[in-house]
C-alpha atoms as a PDB file:
ATOM      1  CA  MET A   1       2.996 -13.054 -20.093  1.00  0.00           C
ATOM      2  CA  GLY A   2       3.607  -9.450 -19.628  1.00  0.00           C
ATOM      3  CA  ILE A   3       3.109  -6.933 -16.694  1.00  0.00           C
ATOM      4  CA  PRO A   4      -0.462  -5.983 -16.545  1.00  0.00           C
ATOM      5  CA  GLU A   5      -0.259  -1.985 -17.234  1.00  0.00           C
ATOM      6  CA  TYR A   6      -2.016  -1.568 -13.508  1.00  0.00           C
ATOM      7  CA  THR A   7       1.038  -3.431 -11.876  1.00  0.00           C
ATOM      8  CA  PHE A   8       2.354  -0.382 -10.027  1.00  0.00           C
ATOM      9  CA  PHE A   9       6.308  -0.600  -9.239  1.00  0.00           C
ATOM     10  CA  VAL A  10       7.436   1.563  -6.003  1.00  0.00           C
ATOM     11  CA  THR A  11      11.328   1.828  -6.395  1.00  0.00           C
ATOM     12  CA  PRO A  12      14.132   3.766  -4.135  1.00  0.00           C
ATOM     13  CA  GLN A  13      14.240   6.165  -7.153  1.00  0.00           C
ATOM     14  CA  THR A  14      10.175   7.018  -7.049  1.00  0.00           C
ATOM     15  CA  LEU A  15      10.201   7.273  -3.191  1.00  0.00           C
ATOM     16  CA  ARG A  16      13.656   9.777  -3.583  1.00  0.00           C
ATOM     17  CA  ASN A  17      11.316  11.692  -6.233  1.00  0.00           C
ATOM     18  CA  MET A  18       8.141  12.048  -4.036  1.00  0.00           C
ATOM     19  CA  ASN A  19       7.290  15.707  -3.204  1.00  0.00           C
ATOM     20  CA  LYS A  20       8.577  15.851   0.450  1.00  0.00           C
ATOM     21  CA  LYS A  21       5.574  16.997   2.108  1.00  0.00           C
ATOM     22  CA  THR A  22       4.162  13.752   0.416  1.00  0.00           C
ATOM     23  CA  SER A  23       5.128  11.176   3.409  1.00  0.00           C
ATOM     24  CA  ARG A  24       5.539   7.427   2.137  1.00  0.00           C
ATOM     25  CA  LEU A  25       2.342   6.681   4.649  1.00  0.00           C
ATOM     26  CA  GLU A  26       0.214   8.919   2.419  1.00  0.00           C
ATOM     27  CA  TYR A  27       1.932   7.410  -0.810  1.00  0.00           C
ATOM     28  CA  ALA A  28       1.333   4.383   0.182  1.00  0.00           C
ATOM     29  CA  LYS A  29      -2.779   4.874   1.075  1.00  0.00           C
ATOM     30  CA  LEU A  30      -2.577   6.365  -2.288  1.00  0.00           C
ATOM     31  CA  ILE A  31      -1.229   3.254  -4.471  1.00  0.00           C
ATOM     32  CA  LEU A  32      -3.353   0.925  -2.274  1.00  0.00           C
ATOM     33  CA  HIS A  33      -6.465   3.563  -3.114  1.00  0.00           C
ATOM     34  CA  LYS A  34      -5.639   3.536  -7.246  1.00  0.00           C
ATOM     35  CA  VAL A  35      -5.690  -0.722  -6.625  1.00  0.00           C
ATOM     36  CA  SER A  36      -8.725  -1.174  -4.640  1.00  0.00           C
ATOM     37  CA  PHE A  37     -10.570  -2.273  -7.826  1.00  0.00           C
ATOM     38  CA  ASP A  38      -8.302  -5.528  -7.712  1.00  0.00           C
ATOM     39  CA  ALA A  39      -8.122  -7.424  -4.271  1.00  0.00           C
ATOM     40  CA  ARG A  40      -5.204  -9.773  -4.823  1.00  0.00           C
ATOM     41  CA  LEU A  41      -2.909  -6.635  -6.575  1.00  0.00           C
ATOM     42  CA  PHE A  42      -4.422  -4.357  -3.420  1.00  0.00           C
ATOM     43  CA  ARG A  43      -3.141  -7.283  -1.278  1.00  0.00           C
ATOM     44  CA  LYS A  44       0.007  -7.600  -3.086  1.00  0.00           C
ATOM     45  CA  GLU A  45       0.635  -3.685  -2.945  1.00  0.00           C
ATOM     46  CA  LEU A  46       0.079  -3.592   1.012  1.00  0.00           C
ATOM     47  CA  LYS A  47       2.491  -6.560   1.674  1.00  0.00           C
ATOM     48  CA  LYS A  48       4.772  -4.453   0.110  1.00  0.00           C
ATOM     49  CA  SER A  49       3.889  -1.104   1.631  1.00  0.00           C
ATOM     50  CA  LEU A  50       4.682  -2.671   4.836  1.00  0.00           C
ATOM     51  CA  THR A  51       8.027  -3.298   4.433  1.00  0.00           C
ATOM     52  CA  TRP A  52       8.968   0.219   3.576  1.00  0.00           C
ATOM     53  CA  VAL A  53       7.140   2.102   6.201  1.00  0.00           C
ATOM     54  CA  SER A  54       8.293   2.660   9.569  1.00  0.00           C
ATOM     55  CA  ARG A  55       6.854   1.057  12.408  1.00  0.00           C
ATOM     56  CA  GLU A  56       4.576   3.256  13.277  1.00  0.00           C
ATOM     57  CA  GLU A  57       3.522   4.327   9.970  1.00  0.00           C
ATOM     58  CA  ALA A  58       2.549   0.698   9.575  1.00  0.00           C
ATOM     59  CA  ILE A  59       0.343   0.647  12.194  1.00  0.00           C
ATOM     60  CA  HIS A  60      -1.175   3.700  10.913  1.00  0.00           C
ATOM     61  CA  LEU A  61      -1.496   1.970   7.790  1.00  0.00           C
ATOM     62  CA  LYS A  62      -3.090  -1.141   8.922  1.00  0.00           C
ATOM     63  CA  GLU A  63      -5.602   1.105  10.953  1.00  0.00           C
ATOM     64  CA  TRP A  64      -6.769   2.558   7.551  1.00  0.00           C
ATOM     65  CA  VAL A  65      -6.850  -0.409   6.047  1.00  0.00           C
ATOM     66  CA  VAL A  66      -9.094  -2.087   7.841  1.00  0.00           C
ATOM     67  CA  ALA A  67     -11.325   0.640   8.766  1.00  0.00           C
ATOM     68  CA  ASN A  68     -11.814   1.333   4.593  1.00  0.00           C
ATOM     69  CA  TYR A  69     -10.428  -1.416   2.422  1.00  0.00           C
ATOM     70  CA  LYS A  70     -10.956  -4.622   5.279  1.00  0.00           C
ATOM     71  CA  HIS A  71     -13.330  -6.290   2.674  1.00  0.00           C
ATOM     72  CA  LEU A  72     -10.267  -6.575   0.599  1.00  0.00           C
ATOM     73  CA  THR A  73      -7.984  -7.945   2.802  1.00  0.00           C
ATOM     74  CA  GLY A  74      -9.803 -11.069   2.689  1.00  0.00           C
ATOM     75  CA  ASP A  75      -8.004 -13.885   5.231  1.00  0.00           C
ATOM     76  CA  THR A  76      -5.625 -11.551   6.202  1.00  0.00           C
ATOM     77  CA  GLN A  77      -5.746 -10.634  10.217  1.00  0.00           C
ATOM     78  CA  PHE A  78      -3.647  -7.326  11.082  1.00  0.00           C
ATOM     79  CA  ALA A  79      -1.606  -7.771  14.438  1.00  0.00           C
ATOM     80  CA  VAL A  80      -2.477  -3.985  14.907  1.00  0.00           C
END
């Protein structure tokens, strides 16, 4: 079974090639917005994003998710 075409991969190379004005937090928000059509994929990308943003950015990202996409997080509870 192949990888679905809508799967996004964030590699170290991708992060290095990002526009310097775009923070990892903003990049994570962009990816999460793009995958918000699928709750399972959204949770997967959220989990990945939380591993590569800073602690401060993770707090802001969690707050943003709760404010905008709480319905996609399912039973996941955030300790913000």
